[in-house]
Amino acid sequence: QVQLVESGGGLVQPGGSLRLSCEASGFSFSGYRMSWYRQAPGKERELVAGISSTGIFKNYSDSVKGRFTISRDNAKNTVYLQMNNLKPGDTAAYYCNTQSGPTYYWGQGTQVTVSS
């Protein structure tokens, strides 16, 4: 079955950096678009970044454009989110996602807290 396992979250000061990883299994990873979402307390889950199956096409939310970079290694079945110049507003649980037809698959999430 599809499994997505995120890691790399933690507590970081404003202006700091973190790199999230999501290791996938149970499906042909190289054939699927992957995305990162986040959800802050009391807010809806929002799309942060997406990457095509080949890694050529990427998209970002306006709030992270220029600070976050999504990438993937199809040989390792892993998608990454490099987060630089983190702000308190980036505090949220971050989720890895893929979709097959009408079905969305999610990891368990990794918490990112940006605070001094």
C-alpha atoms as a PDB file:
ATOM      1  CA  GLN A   1       0.000   0.000   0.000  1.00  0.00           C
ATOM      2  CA  VAL A   2       1.017   3.610  -0.456  1.00  0.00           C
ATOM      3  CA  GLN A   3       3.184   4.932   2.352  1.00  0.00           C
ATOM      4  CA  LEU A   4       4.588   8.435   2.720  1.00  0.00           C
ATOM      5  CA  VAL A   5       6.938   9.103   5.630  1.00  0.00           C
ATOM      6  CA  GLU A   6       8.024  12.667   6.352  1.00  0.00           C
ATOM      7  CA  SER A   7      11.018  13.714   8.407  1.00  0.00           C
ATOM      8  CA  GLY A   8      13.184  16.743   9.055  1.00  0.00           C
ATOM      9  CA  GLY A   9      10.881  19.034  10.991  1.00  0.00           C
ATOM     10  CA  GLY A  10      11.838  20.810  14.178  1.00  0.00           C
ATOM     11  CA  LEU A  11      12.227  24.094  15.995  1.00  0.00           C
ATOM     12  CA  VAL A  12      14.158  26.815  14.181  1.00  0.00           C
ATOM     13  CA  GLN A  13      14.720  30.523  14.709  1.00  0.00           C
ATOM     14  CA  PRO A  14      13.364  33.089  12.255  1.00  0.00           C
ATOM     15  CA  GLY A  15      15.698  33.334   9.282  1.00  0.00           C
ATOM     16  CA  GLY A  16      16.849  29.748   9.708  1.00  0.00           C
ATOM     17  CA  SER A  17      16.591  26.787   7.366  1.00  0.00           C
ATOM     18  CA  LEU A  18      15.251  23.248   7.408  1.00  0.00           C
ATOM     19  CA  ARG A  19      15.074  20.478   4.838  1.00  0.00           C
ATOM     20  CA  LEU A  20      12.093  18.159   4.909  1.00  0.00           C
ATOM     21  CA  SER A  21      12.194  14.706   3.346  1.00  0.00           C
ATOM     22  CA  CYS A  22       9.393  12.380   2.336  1.00  0.00           C
ATOM     23  CA  GLU A  23      10.217   8.767   1.560  1.00  0.00           C
ATOM     24  CA  ALA A  24       7.594   7.012  -0.544  1.00  0.00           C
ATOM     25  CA  SER A  25       6.807   3.341  -1.018  1.00  0.00           C
ATOM     26  CA  GLY A  26       4.065   1.112  -2.360  1.00  0.00           C
ATOM     27  CA  PHE A  27       3.707   2.763  -5.768  1.00  0.00           C
ATOM     28  CA  SER A  28       5.755   3.700  -8.815  1.00  0.00           C
ATOM     29  CA  PHE A  29       7.140   6.915  -7.397  1.00  0.00           C
ATOM     30  CA  SER A  30       8.797   8.141 -10.588  1.00  0.00           C
ATOM     31  CA  GLY A  31       5.468   8.230 -12.369  1.00  0.00           C
ATOM     32  CA  TYR A  32       3.655  10.527  -9.973  1.00  0.00           C
ATOM     33  CA  ARG A  33       3.532  14.192  -9.194  1.00  0.00           C
ATOM     34  CA  MET A  34       4.359  14.939  -5.556  1.00  0.00           C
ATOM     35  CA  SER A  35       3.362  17.857  -3.363  1.00  0.00           C
ATOM     36  CA  TRP A  36       3.962  19.394   0.032  1.00  0.00           C
ATOM     37  CA  TYR A  37       1.057  20.849   1.997  1.00  0.00           C
ATOM     38  CA  ARG A  38       0.976  22.478   5.401  1.00  0.00           C
ATOM     39  CA  GLN A  39      -1.645  23.079   8.058  1.00  0.00           C
ATOM     40  CA  ALA A  40      -1.387  25.567  10.887  1.00  0.00           C
ATOM     41  CA  PRO A  41      -3.643  25.314  13.970  1.00  0.00           C
ATOM     42  CA  GLY A  42      -7.114  26.588  13.194  1.00  0.00           C
ATOM     43  CA  LYS A  43      -6.400  26.932   9.489  1.00  0.00           C
ATOM     44  CA  GLU A  44      -7.146  24.849   6.422  1.00  0.00           C
ATOM     45  CA  ARG A  45      -4.501  22.675   4.830  1.00  0.00           C
ATOM     46  CA  GLU A  46      -2.812  24.591   2.010  1.00  0.00           C
ATOM     47  CA  LEU A  47      -0.609  23.631  -0.924  1.00  0.00           C
ATOM     48  CA  VAL A  48       2.980  24.787  -0.465  1.00  0.00           C
ATOM     49  CA  ALA A  49       4.764  23.318  -3.488  1.00  0.00           C
ATOM     50  CA  GLY A  50       4.387  20.673  -6.172  1.00  0.00           C
ATOM     51  CA  ILE A  51       6.757  18.882  -8.531  1.00  0.00           C
ATOM     52  CA  SER A  52       6.087  16.874 -11.667  1.00  0.00           C
ATOM     53  CA  SER A  53       7.041  13.230 -11.975  1.00  0.00           C
ATOM     54  CA  THR A  54      10.252  14.073 -13.843  1.00  0.00           C
ATOM     55  CA  GLY A  55      11.108  17.013 -11.606  1.00  0.00           C
ATOM     56  CA  ILE A  56      11.068  19.454 -14.502  1.00  0.00           C
ATOM     57  CA  PHE A  57       7.940  21.369 -13.546  1.00  0.00           C
ATOM     58  CA  LYS A  58       7.552  22.957 -10.119  1.00  0.00           C
ATOM     59  CA  ASN A  59       5.037  25.302  -8.578  1.00  0.00           C
ATOM     60  CA  TYR A  60       4.927  27.226  -5.316  1.00  0.00           C
ATOM     61  CA  SER A  61       2.440  29.179  -3.271  1.00  0.00           C
ATOM     62  CA  ASP A  62       3.033  32.912  -3.306  1.00  0.00           C
ATOM     63  CA  SER A  63       3.823  32.869   0.402  1.00  0.00           C
ATOM     64  CA  VAL A  64       6.904  30.643  -0.035  1.00  0.00           C
ATOM     65  CA  LYS A  65       8.090  31.522  -3.534  1.00  0.00           C
ATOM     66  CA  GLY A  66      11.754  32.467  -3.491  1.00  0.00           C
ATOM     67  CA  ARG A  67      12.342  30.894  -0.066  1.00  0.00           C
ATOM     68  CA  PHE A  68      11.355  27.236  -0.492  1.00  0.00           C
ATOM     69  CA  THR A  69      12.609  24.749  -3.094  1.00  0.00           C
ATOM     70  CA  ILE A  70      10.994  21.415  -3.892  1.00  0.00           C
ATOM     71  CA  SER A  71      13.056  18.634  -5.430  1.00  0.00           C
ATOM     72  CA  ARG A  72      12.969  14.879  -5.854  1.00  0.00           C
ATOM     73  CA  ASP A  73      15.285  11.917  -6.253  1.00  0.00           C
ATOM     74  CA  ASN A  74      13.452   9.207  -8.159  1.00  0.00           C
ATOM     75  CA  ALA A  75      16.261   6.730  -7.493  1.00  0.00           C
ATOM     76  CA  LYS A  76      15.615   7.112  -3.761  1.00  0.00           C
ATOM     77  CA  ASN A  77      11.810   7.463  -3.965  1.00  0.00           C
ATOM     78  CA  THR A  78      12.152  10.675  -1.995  1.00  0.00           C
ATOM     79  CA  VAL A  79      10.853  14.216  -2.340  1.00  0.00           C
ATOM     80  CA  TYR A  80      12.411  17.127  -0.490  1.00  0.00           C
ATOM     81  CA  LEU A  81      11.431  20.604   0.617  1.00  0.00           C
ATOM     82  CA  GLN A  82      14.304  22.974   1.299  1.00  0.00           C
ATOM     83  CA  MET A  83      13.028  25.854   3.414  1.00  0.00           C
ATOM     84  CA  ASN A  84      15.171  28.969   3.806  1.00  0.00           C
ATOM     85  CA  ASN A  85      14.575  32.302   5.538  1.00  0.00           C
ATOM     86  CA  LEU A  86      11.866  30.750   7.652  1.00  0.00           C
ATOM     87  CA  LYS A  87       9.283  33.024   9.243  1.00  0.00           C
ATOM     88  CA  PRO A  88       6.959  32.528  12.219  1.00  0.00           C
ATOM     89  CA  GLY A  89       4.088  32.326   9.723  1.00  0.00           C
ATOM     90  CA  ASP A  90       5.639  29.138   8.317  1.00  0.00           C
ATOM     91  CA  THR A  91       4.879  27.329  11.577  1.00  0.00           C
ATOM     92  CA  ALA A  92       2.677  24.360  10.713  1.00  0.00           C
ATOM     93  CA  ALA A  93       2.521  20.626  10.281  1.00  0.00           C
ATOM     94  CA  TYR A  94       3.924  19.779   6.847  1.00  0.00           C
ATOM     95  CA  TYR A  95       2.489  16.884   4.852  1.00  0.00           C
ATOM     96  CA  CYS A  96       3.720  14.992   1.834  1.00  0.00           C
ATOM     97  CA  ASN A  97       1.063  14.169  -0.756  1.00  0.00           C
ATOM     98  CA  THR A  98       0.413  12.308  -3.947  1.00  0.00           C
ATOM     99  CA  GLN A  99      -2.748  11.574  -5.863  1.00  0.00           C
ATOM    100  CA  SER A 100      -3.962   8.638  -7.906  1.00  0.00           C
ATOM    101  CA  GLY A 101      -7.224   9.354  -9.671  1.00  0.00           C
ATOM    102  CA  PRO A 102      -9.667  10.657  -7.045  1.00  0.00           C
ATOM    103  CA  THR A 103      -7.625   9.353  -4.117  1.00  0.00           C
ATOM    104  CA  TYR A 104      -5.255  11.550  -2.140  1.00  0.00           C
ATOM    105  CA  TYR A 105      -2.507   9.950  -0.095  1.00  0.00           C
ATOM    106  CA  TRP A 106      -0.924  11.676   2.906  1.00  0.00           C
ATOM    107  CA  GLY A 107       1.961  11.097   5.243  1.00  0.00           C
ATOM    108  CA  GLN A 108       1.685  11.491   8.991  1.00  0.00           C
ATOM    109  CA  GLY A 109       3.169  14.979   8.878  1.00  0.00           C
ATOM    110  CA  THR A 110       6.211  16.633  10.409  1.00  0.00           C
ATOM    111  CA  GLN A 111       5.990  19.690  12.640  1.00  0.00           C
ATOM    112  CA  VAL A 112       7.886  22.863  11.790  1.00  0.00           C
ATOM    113  CA  THR A 113       7.997  25.570  14.435  1.00  0.00           C
ATOM    114  CA  VAL A 114       9.639  28.918  13.728  1.00  0.00           C
ATOM    115  CA  SER A 115      10.193  30.880  16.901  1.00  0.00           C
ATOM    116  CA  SER A 116      12.843  32.849  18.729  1.00  0.00           C
END
